[in-house]
Amino acid sequence: DPDQLIQCDLMDGRDAFLTMARERHWEFSSLRRARYSTMAMLYELHNQSGDRFVYTCNHCRNHVETRYHCKECDDFDLCVVCYKEVGHSHTMEKLGLGLDDDTTGQDQRVTDPKDQQMQRRRQNERFMQQRMANMNQLSAS
């Protein structure tokens, strides 16, 4: 098996798995639900030690994936839109995966909760597509 073993509390026992499945509403009663639950479980397994901190733009207060971080100020980040429109006096470094760049032509400042939810869903879909492409590249090599 080319994959390395992953140490995980989730798979150490039946009770831990069932508890997490109940908390996260993972279901395996149909093929559609099993596919979703399996992807969610795999995501959880591979990202359990990852950075779960959500970055927030200091200007518009939206949650951001891709951000510009000030090299001089302590904990100062701007989203892509605010960086282009407002800017900052110090040198900034672009960080993140580029999932919410302004490449789609959509403004990130969304005030309607339903629109925010749809925007976040699109970001998550792009993230999962990128992860799947990375996994396919790794398996091909």
Protein backbone atom coordinates (compact mmCIF):
# COMPACT_ATOMS: atom_id res chain seq x y z
CA ASP A 1 0.00 0.00 0.00
CA PRO A 2 1.68 3.28 -1.11
CA ASP A 3 -0.29 5.43 1.33
CA GLN A 4 1.15 6.10 4.73
CA LEU A 5 -0.80 5.16 7.85
CA ILE A 6 -2.72 7.99 9.46
CA GLN A 7 -3.09 8.05 13.24
CA CYS A 8 -6.62 9.09 14.03
CA ASP A 9 -8.87 9.09 17.08
CA LEU A 10 -11.85 8.71 14.74
CA MET A 11 -10.85 5.22 13.64
CA ASP A 12 -9.52 3.96 16.98
CA GLY A 13 -12.84 2.52 18.00
CA ARG A 14 -16.41 1.96 17.00
CA ASP A 15 -17.83 4.36 19.59
CA ALA A 16 -15.69 7.29 18.43
CA PHE A 17 -16.72 6.76 14.81
CA LEU A 18 -20.42 6.37 15.61
CA THR A 19 -20.40 9.44 17.85
CA MET A 20 -18.79 11.59 15.17
CA ALA A 21 -21.12 10.20 12.50
CA ARG A 22 -24.13 11.10 14.65
CA GLU A 23 -22.78 14.60 15.43
CA ARG A 24 -21.99 15.35 11.79
CA HIS A 25 -25.17 13.72 10.44
CA TRP A 26 -23.25 11.22 8.32
CA GLU A 27 -25.61 8.60 6.93
CA PHE A 28 -24.93 5.49 4.89
CA SER A 29 -28.53 4.39 4.23
CA SER A 30 -28.50 5.23 0.52
CA LEU A 31 -25.86 5.54 -2.17
CA ARG A 32 -26.22 9.33 -2.35
CA ARG A 33 -25.86 9.75 1.41
CA ALA A 34 -23.04 7.21 1.58
CA ARG A 35 -21.07 9.12 -1.08
CA TYR A 36 -21.47 12.40 0.76
CA SER A 37 -20.69 10.89 4.15
CA THR A 38 -17.65 9.07 2.82
CA MET A 39 -16.25 12.27 1.28
CA ALA A 40 -16.91 14.16 4.51
CA MET A 41 -15.22 11.42 6.53
CA LEU A 42 -12.18 11.35 4.22
CA TYR A 43 -11.93 15.12 4.43
CA GLU A 44 -12.05 14.89 8.22
CA LEU A 45 -9.40 12.17 8.28
CA HIS A 46 -6.97 14.06 6.10
CA ASN A 47 -7.51 17.48 7.68
CA GLN A 48 -7.79 16.62 11.35
CA SER A 49 -4.45 18.23 12.17
CA GLY A 50 -4.83 21.09 9.71
CA ASP A 51 -5.25 24.75 10.43
CA ARG A 52 -8.95 25.28 11.19
CA PHE A 53 -8.62 29.00 11.75
CA VAL A 54 -10.86 31.12 9.54
CA TYR A 55 -9.28 34.36 8.40
CA THR A 56 -11.31 37.57 8.32
CA CYS A 57 -10.71 40.66 6.22
CA ASN A 58 -9.86 43.58 8.50
CA HIS A 59 -11.73 46.02 6.26
CA CYS A 60 -15.02 44.34 5.24
CA ARG A 61 -15.07 41.64 7.99
CA ASN A 62 -15.88 38.79 5.54
CA HIS A 63 -14.35 35.36 5.94
CA VAL A 64 -11.67 34.78 3.31
CA GLU A 65 -9.70 31.84 1.91
CA THR A 66 -7.22 33.86 -0.13
CA ARG A 67 -5.92 36.90 1.67
CA TYR A 68 -3.24 39.54 1.60
CA HIS A 69 -1.26 39.54 4.86
CA CYS A 70 0.73 42.59 6.00
CA LYS A 71 4.38 41.78 6.67
CA GLU A 72 4.76 44.63 9.17
CA CYS A 73 1.44 44.90 11.03
CA ASP A 74 0.50 42.31 13.60
CA ASP A 75 -2.43 40.18 12.34
CA PHE A 76 -3.66 42.39 9.50
CA ASP A 77 -5.31 40.70 6.50
CA LEU A 78 -7.31 41.98 3.53
CA CYS A 79 -9.50 40.06 1.11
CA VAL A 80 -8.72 40.22 -2.61
CA VAL A 81 -11.41 42.83 -3.30
CA CYS A 82 -10.39 45.14 -0.43
CA TYR A 83 -6.72 44.80 -1.35
CA LYS A 84 -7.51 45.98 -4.88
CA GLU A 85 -9.94 48.74 -3.85
CA VAL A 86 -8.59 50.01 -0.51
CA GLY A 87 -5.00 48.78 -0.36
CA HIS A 88 -2.61 49.15 2.56
CA SER A 89 0.42 51.30 3.26
CA HIS A 90 2.80 48.38 3.97
CA THR A 91 4.01 45.51 1.81
CA MET A 92 1.51 42.67 1.70
CA GLU A 93 1.93 39.02 0.84
CA LYS A 94 -0.72 36.96 -0.95
CA LEU A 95 -1.56 33.78 0.99
CA GLY A 96 -4.09 31.00 0.48
CA LEU A 97 -5.14 28.60 -2.24
CA GLY A 98 -6.62 31.18 -4.61
CA LEU A 99 -10.12 29.75 -4.27
CA ASP A 100 -11.83 33.09 -3.77
CA ASP A 101 -9.79 35.24 -6.10
CA ASP A 102 -11.73 37.73 -8.14
CA THR A 103 -11.34 35.46 -11.19
CA THR A 104 -15.05 34.71 -11.28
CA GLY A 105 -15.92 38.36 -11.71
CA GLN A 106 -18.17 38.35 -8.65
CA ASP A 107 -17.92 40.87 -5.86
CA GLN A 108 -17.22 39.20 -2.54
CA ARG A 109 -19.17 41.68 -0.46
CA VAL A 110 -22.46 39.88 -0.08
CA THR A 111 -24.86 40.96 2.62
CA ASP A 112 -27.80 38.61 2.05
CA PRO A 113 -27.36 35.46 4.22
CA LYS A 114 -28.65 33.20 1.43
CA ASP A 115 -26.14 34.71 -1.01
CA GLN A 116 -23.37 34.30 1.57
CA GLN A 117 -24.34 30.65 1.99
CA MET A 118 -24.31 30.09 -1.78
CA GLN A 119 -20.96 31.86 -2.08
CA ARG A 120 -19.49 29.70 0.66
CA ARG A 121 -20.94 26.57 -0.99
CA ARG A 122 -19.31 27.53 -4.32
CA GLN A 123 -15.99 28.09 -2.51
CA ASN A 124 -16.25 24.69 -0.86
CA GLU A 125 -17.09 23.03 -4.19
CA ARG A 126 -14.05 24.65 -5.84
CA PHE A 127 -11.92 23.53 -2.90
CA MET A 128 -13.15 19.93 -3.17
CA GLN A 129 -12.59 19.96 -6.95
CA GLN A 130 -9.04 21.15 -6.41
CA ARG A 131 -8.47 18.48 -3.74
CA MET A 132 -9.83 15.77 -6.04
CA ALA A 133 -7.59 16.97 -8.88
CA ASN A 134 -4.59 16.87 -6.53
CA MET A 135 -5.51 13.36 -5.40
CA ASN A 136 -5.85 12.24 -9.02
CA GLN A 137 -2.43 13.69 -9.85
CA LEU A 138 -0.88 11.91 -6.87
CA SER A 139 -2.46 8.59 -7.79
CA ALA A 140 -1.35 8.95 -11.43
CA SER A 141 2.29 9.43 -10.43
